[in-house]
Protein backbone atom coordinates (compact mmCIF):
# COMPACT_ATOMS: atom_id res chain seq x y z
CA MET A 1 56.70 31.79 -188.92
CA THR A 2 59.47 32.07 -185.96
CA LYS A 3 62.95 32.61 -187.19
CA GLN A 4 65.92 32.36 -184.89
CA ALA A 5 69.71 31.72 -185.14
CA LEU A 6 70.37 28.06 -185.07
CA VAL A 7 74.53 27.00 -184.74
CA ILE A 8 75.47 23.91 -184.90
CA GLU A 9 79.28 22.75 -182.97
CA LEU A 10 81.33 19.87 -183.24
CA THR A 11 84.23 19.83 -181.15
CA GLY A 12 87.61 16.69 -181.63
CA GLY A 13 90.44 16.29 -179.93
CA LYS A 14 93.08 19.42 -179.60
CA ILE A 15 95.56 20.52 -182.18
CA GLY A 16 99.24 19.14 -181.53
CA SER A 17 100.78 20.90 -178.50
CA THR A 18 98.78 22.99 -177.21
CA ASN A 19 95.32 23.64 -175.49
CA VAL A 20 93.66 24.08 -178.48
CA ASP A 21 90.18 21.76 -179.64
CA GLU A 22 89.91 20.81 -182.71
CA LYS A 23 85.77 22.69 -183.95
CA ILE A 24 83.66 22.79 -186.91
CA THR A 25 80.98 25.72 -186.28
CA ILE A 26 78.04 26.60 -188.39
CA THR A 27 75.96 29.56 -187.84
CA ILE A 28 73.30 30.19 -189.85
CA PRO A 29 71.40 33.23 -188.44
CA LYS A 30 67.74 33.02 -189.73
CA PHE A 31 66.26 29.75 -189.98
CA ARG A 32 63.37 28.04 -189.52
CA VAL A 33 62.00 24.70 -189.84
CA GLN A 34 59.11 23.48 -191.59
CA LYS A 35 58.40 19.87 -191.44
CA ARG A 36 59.57 17.82 -188.04
CA GLU A 37 59.35 14.12 -187.99
CA GLU A 38 60.59 11.07 -185.49
CA GLY A 39 61.55 7.39 -186.50
CA ALA A 40 61.15 4.41 -183.92
CA ASP A 41 64.07 3.97 -181.94
CA LEU A 42 67.06 1.89 -183.14
CA ASP A 43 68.50 0.53 -180.57
CA ASP A 44 67.71 2.98 -178.12
CA LEU A 45 68.67 5.96 -181.12
CA VAL A 46 65.61 8.49 -181.81
CA GLU A 47 65.82 9.08 -185.16
CA GLU A 48 64.68 13.31 -186.60
CA THR A 49 63.55 13.73 -189.32
CA ILE A 50 63.98 17.29 -189.80
CA ASP A 51 62.83 20.30 -193.47
CA PHE A 52 64.52 24.10 -192.68
CA VAL A 53 64.66 26.65 -194.69
CA ALA A 54 67.93 29.03 -194.29
CA GLU A 55 67.17 32.04 -195.19
CA TYR A 56 69.67 35.35 -195.60
CA ASP A 57 70.78 37.62 -193.65
CA ASP A 58 71.62 41.35 -195.45
CA THR A 59 73.86 41.62 -191.75
CA ASP A 60 74.66 38.03 -191.61
CA GLY A 61 74.71 36.27 -194.82
CA THR A 62 72.98 32.78 -194.72
CA ILE A 63 75.38 30.51 -193.73
CA LYS A 64 78.70 30.70 -192.04
CA ILE A 65 80.67 27.51 -191.32
CA GLU A 66 84.11 28.26 -189.33
CA VAL A 67 86.78 25.32 -189.22
CA LYS A 68 89.50 25.41 -186.93
CA ASN A 69 92.33 22.93 -186.85
CA ASP A 70 96.05 22.28 -187.74
CA VAL A 71 96.35 23.27 -192.06
CA ASP A 72 97.46 25.70 -193.53
CA GLY A 73 94.76 26.26 -196.04
CA TYR A 74 92.75 24.57 -197.97
CA ALA A 75 91.62 24.27 -202.25
CA ALA A 76 88.37 25.26 -203.65
CA GLU A 77 87.05 23.04 -205.76
CA VAL A 78 83.53 24.43 -207.30
CA GLY A 79 81.46 22.37 -209.84
CA SER A 80 81.90 18.85 -210.64
CA GLY A 81 83.18 19.57 -213.73
CA SER A 82 83.16 16.10 -215.91
């Protein structure tokens, strides 16, 4: 199966009074589509369902997420302890 990289970039407004945009970039170095289906037209929008596999890459890992905004840091949360 053909494996390629997938990069999704979401861009928001400017950060404060700078000329820099808020941005989230999701990178999957080795990505392949398992199954793809198009759905019915909903208010002139086409629904698409894609099942995919992200594979581990020795150099780049599995998934990399970069966030650019005006927040200094985030608290990491692991699990959902009950």
